């Protein structure tokens, strides 16, 4: 079973929380949820650091797209990886 959802599924991915911790097998759905949250917080961190060179309107729509991805991943629907967002992201 998936270590994060406790559902019996095919678990091709592995995750661990520290170097010393054991690996835990996770499903595609759990991996997508983690990836969506990481994409969101990475973008916010880059935005706060001034590394994103887009206007406020574009940044707003990028944040909304990432929030949408988190919701879709949570529901197990159409998660869009960060690499498939609009060019210039």
C-alpha atoms as a PDB file:
ATOM      1  CA  UNK A   1       0.000   0.000   0.000  1.00  0.00           C
ATOM      2  CA  UNK A   2       0.930   3.641  -0.443  1.00  0.00           C
ATOM      3  CA  UNK A   3       2.725   4.920   2.663  1.00  0.00           C
ATOM      4  CA  UNK A   4       0.945   8.291   2.535  1.00  0.00           C
ATOM      5  CA  UNK A   5      -2.616   7.316   1.659  1.00  0.00           C
ATOM      6  CA  UNK A   6      -2.743   3.770   3.084  1.00  0.00           C
ATOM      7  CA  UNK A   7      -4.527   2.661  -0.078  1.00  0.00           C
ATOM      8  CA  UNK A   8      -3.475  -0.504  -1.850  1.00  0.00           C
ATOM      9  CA  UNK A   9      -2.146   0.801  -5.178  1.00  0.00           C
ATOM     10  CA  UNK A  10       0.799   0.365  -7.490  1.00  0.00           C
ATOM     11  CA  UNK A  11       3.582   2.429  -5.872  1.00  0.00           C
ATOM     12  CA  UNK A  12       6.386   3.149  -8.343  1.00  0.00           C
ATOM     13  CA  UNK A  13       7.759   6.164  -6.442  1.00  0.00           C
ATOM     14  CA  UNK A  14       9.823   6.373  -3.287  1.00  0.00           C
ATOM     15  CA  UNK A  15      10.206   9.196  -0.775  1.00  0.00           C
ATOM     16  CA  UNK A  16      12.084   9.752   2.451  1.00  0.00           C
ATOM     17  CA  UNK A  17      12.173  12.686   4.847  1.00  0.00           C
ATOM     18  CA  UNK A  18      15.875  12.633   5.750  1.00  0.00           C
ATOM     19  CA  UNK A  19      19.128  10.945   4.787  1.00  0.00           C
ATOM     20  CA  UNK A  20      18.854   8.457   7.662  1.00  0.00           C
ATOM     21  CA  UNK A  21      15.165   7.658   7.224  1.00  0.00           C
ATOM     22  CA  UNK A  22      14.009   4.607   5.281  1.00  0.00           C
ATOM     23  CA  UNK A  23      12.434   4.911   1.850  1.00  0.00           C
ATOM     24  CA  UNK A  24       8.633   4.796   1.687  1.00  0.00           C
ATOM     25  CA  UNK A  25       6.763   3.658  -1.425  1.00  0.00           C
ATOM     26  CA  UNK A  26       4.119   6.101  -2.671  1.00  0.00           C
ATOM     27  CA  UNK A  27       1.539   6.027  -5.452  1.00  0.00           C
ATOM     28  CA  UNK A  28       1.269   8.339  -8.447  1.00  0.00           C
ATOM     29  CA  UNK A  29      -1.571  10.246  -6.764  1.00  0.00           C
ATOM     30  CA  UNK A  30       0.511  10.892  -3.635  1.00  0.00           C
ATOM     31  CA  UNK A  31       3.501  11.890  -5.755  1.00  0.00           C
ATOM     32  CA  UNK A  32       1.377  14.354  -7.748  1.00  0.00           C
ATOM     33  CA  UNK A  33       0.123  15.958  -4.541  1.00  0.00           C
ATOM     34  CA  UNK A  34       3.661  16.404  -3.252  1.00  0.00           C
ATOM     35  CA  UNK A  35       4.877  17.739  -6.613  1.00  0.00           C
ATOM     36  CA  UNK A  36       2.017  20.263  -6.853  1.00  0.00           C
ATOM     37  CA  UNK A  37       2.709  21.656  -3.384  1.00  0.00           C
ATOM     38  CA  UNK A  38       6.461  21.815  -4.053  1.00  0.00           C
ATOM     39  CA  UNK A  39       5.861  23.642  -7.355  1.00  0.00           C
ATOM     40  CA  UNK A  40       3.641  26.178  -5.576  1.00  0.00           C
ATOM     41  CA  UNK A  41       6.031  26.911  -2.720  1.00  0.00           C
ATOM     42  CA  UNK A  42       9.039  27.050  -5.043  1.00  0.00           C
ATOM     43  CA  UNK A  43       7.284  29.632  -7.213  1.00  0.00           C
ATOM     44  CA  UNK A  44       6.286  31.704  -4.159  1.00  0.00           C
ATOM     45  CA  UNK A  45       9.865  31.572  -2.850  1.00  0.00           C
ATOM     46  CA  UNK A  46      11.228  32.687  -6.240  1.00  0.00           C
ATOM     47  CA  UNK A  47       8.619  35.436  -6.441  1.00  0.00           C
ATOM     48  CA  UNK A  48       9.529  36.776  -2.990  1.00  0.00           C
ATOM     49  CA  UNK A  49      13.236  36.653  -3.850  1.00  0.00           C
ATOM     50  CA  UNK A  50      12.633  38.677  -7.022  1.00  0.00           C
ATOM     51  CA  UNK A  51      13.748  35.908  -9.364  1.00  0.00           C
ATOM     52  CA  UNK A  52      10.517  35.953 -11.387  1.00  0.00           C
ATOM     53  CA  UNK A  53      10.665  38.675 -14.033  1.00  0.00           C
ATOM     54  CA  UNK A  54       6.998  38.942 -14.923  1.00  0.00           C
ATOM     55  CA  UNK A  55       4.369  41.545 -14.239  1.00  0.00           C
ATOM     56  CA  UNK A  56       2.027  41.404 -11.262  1.00  0.00           C
ATOM     57  CA  UNK A  57      -0.846  40.216 -13.449  1.00  0.00           C
ATOM     58  CA  UNK A  58       1.169  37.338 -14.928  1.00  0.00           C
ATOM     59  CA  UNK A  59       2.480  36.365 -11.494  1.00  0.00           C
ATOM     60  CA  UNK A  60      -1.088  36.351 -10.157  1.00  0.00           C
ATOM     61  CA  UNK A  61      -2.278  34.024 -12.919  1.00  0.00           C
ATOM     62  CA  UNK A  62       0.737  31.762 -12.402  1.00  0.00           C
ATOM     63  CA  UNK A  63      -0.102  31.500  -8.689  1.00  0.00           C
ATOM     64  CA  UNK A  64      -3.733  30.737  -9.530  1.00  0.00           C
ATOM     65  CA  UNK A  65      -2.637  28.006 -11.968  1.00  0.00           C
ATOM     66  CA  UNK A  66      -0.410  26.451  -9.309  1.00  0.00           C
ATOM     67  CA  UNK A  67      -3.229  26.589  -6.746  1.00  0.00           C
ATOM     68  CA  UNK A  68      -5.502  24.939  -9.298  1.00  0.00           C
ATOM     69  CA  UNK A  69      -2.889  22.210  -9.763  1.00  0.00           C
ATOM     70  CA  UNK A  70      -2.856  21.583  -6.010  1.00  0.00           C
ATOM     71  CA  UNK A  71      -6.635  21.204  -5.982  1.00  0.00           C
ATOM     72  CA  UNK A  72      -6.615  18.902  -9.013  1.00  0.00           C
ATOM     73  CA  UNK A  73      -3.855  16.761  -7.524  1.00  0.00           C
ATOM     74  CA  UNK A  74      -5.747  16.530  -4.242  1.00  0.00           C
ATOM     75  CA  UNK A  75      -8.812  15.280  -6.104  1.00  0.00           C
ATOM     76  CA  UNK A  76      -6.740  12.942  -8.278  1.00  0.00           C
ATOM     77  CA  UNK A  77      -7.660  14.779 -11.484  1.00  0.00           C
ATOM     78  CA  UNK A  78      -5.641  16.227 -14.375  1.00  0.00           C
ATOM     79  CA  UNK A  79      -2.516  17.367 -12.549  1.00  0.00           C
ATOM     80  CA  UNK A  80      -0.386  19.521 -14.891  1.00  0.00           C
ATOM     81  CA  UNK A  81       3.341  19.357 -14.122  1.00  0.00           C
ATOM     82  CA  UNK A  82       5.166  22.664 -13.829  1.00  0.00           C
ATOM     83  CA  UNK A  83       6.996  22.079 -17.115  1.00  0.00           C
ATOM     84  CA  UNK A  84       3.687  22.234 -19.015  1.00  0.00           C
ATOM     85  CA  UNK A  85       2.667  25.689 -17.813  1.00  0.00           C
ATOM     86  CA  UNK A  86       2.843  28.646 -20.158  1.00  0.00           C
ATOM     87  CA  UNK A  87       6.264  29.630 -21.563  1.00  0.00           C
ATOM     88  CA  UNK A  88       8.296  32.053 -19.487  1.00  0.00           C
ATOM     89  CA  UNK A  89       7.250  30.569 -16.156  1.00  0.00           C
END
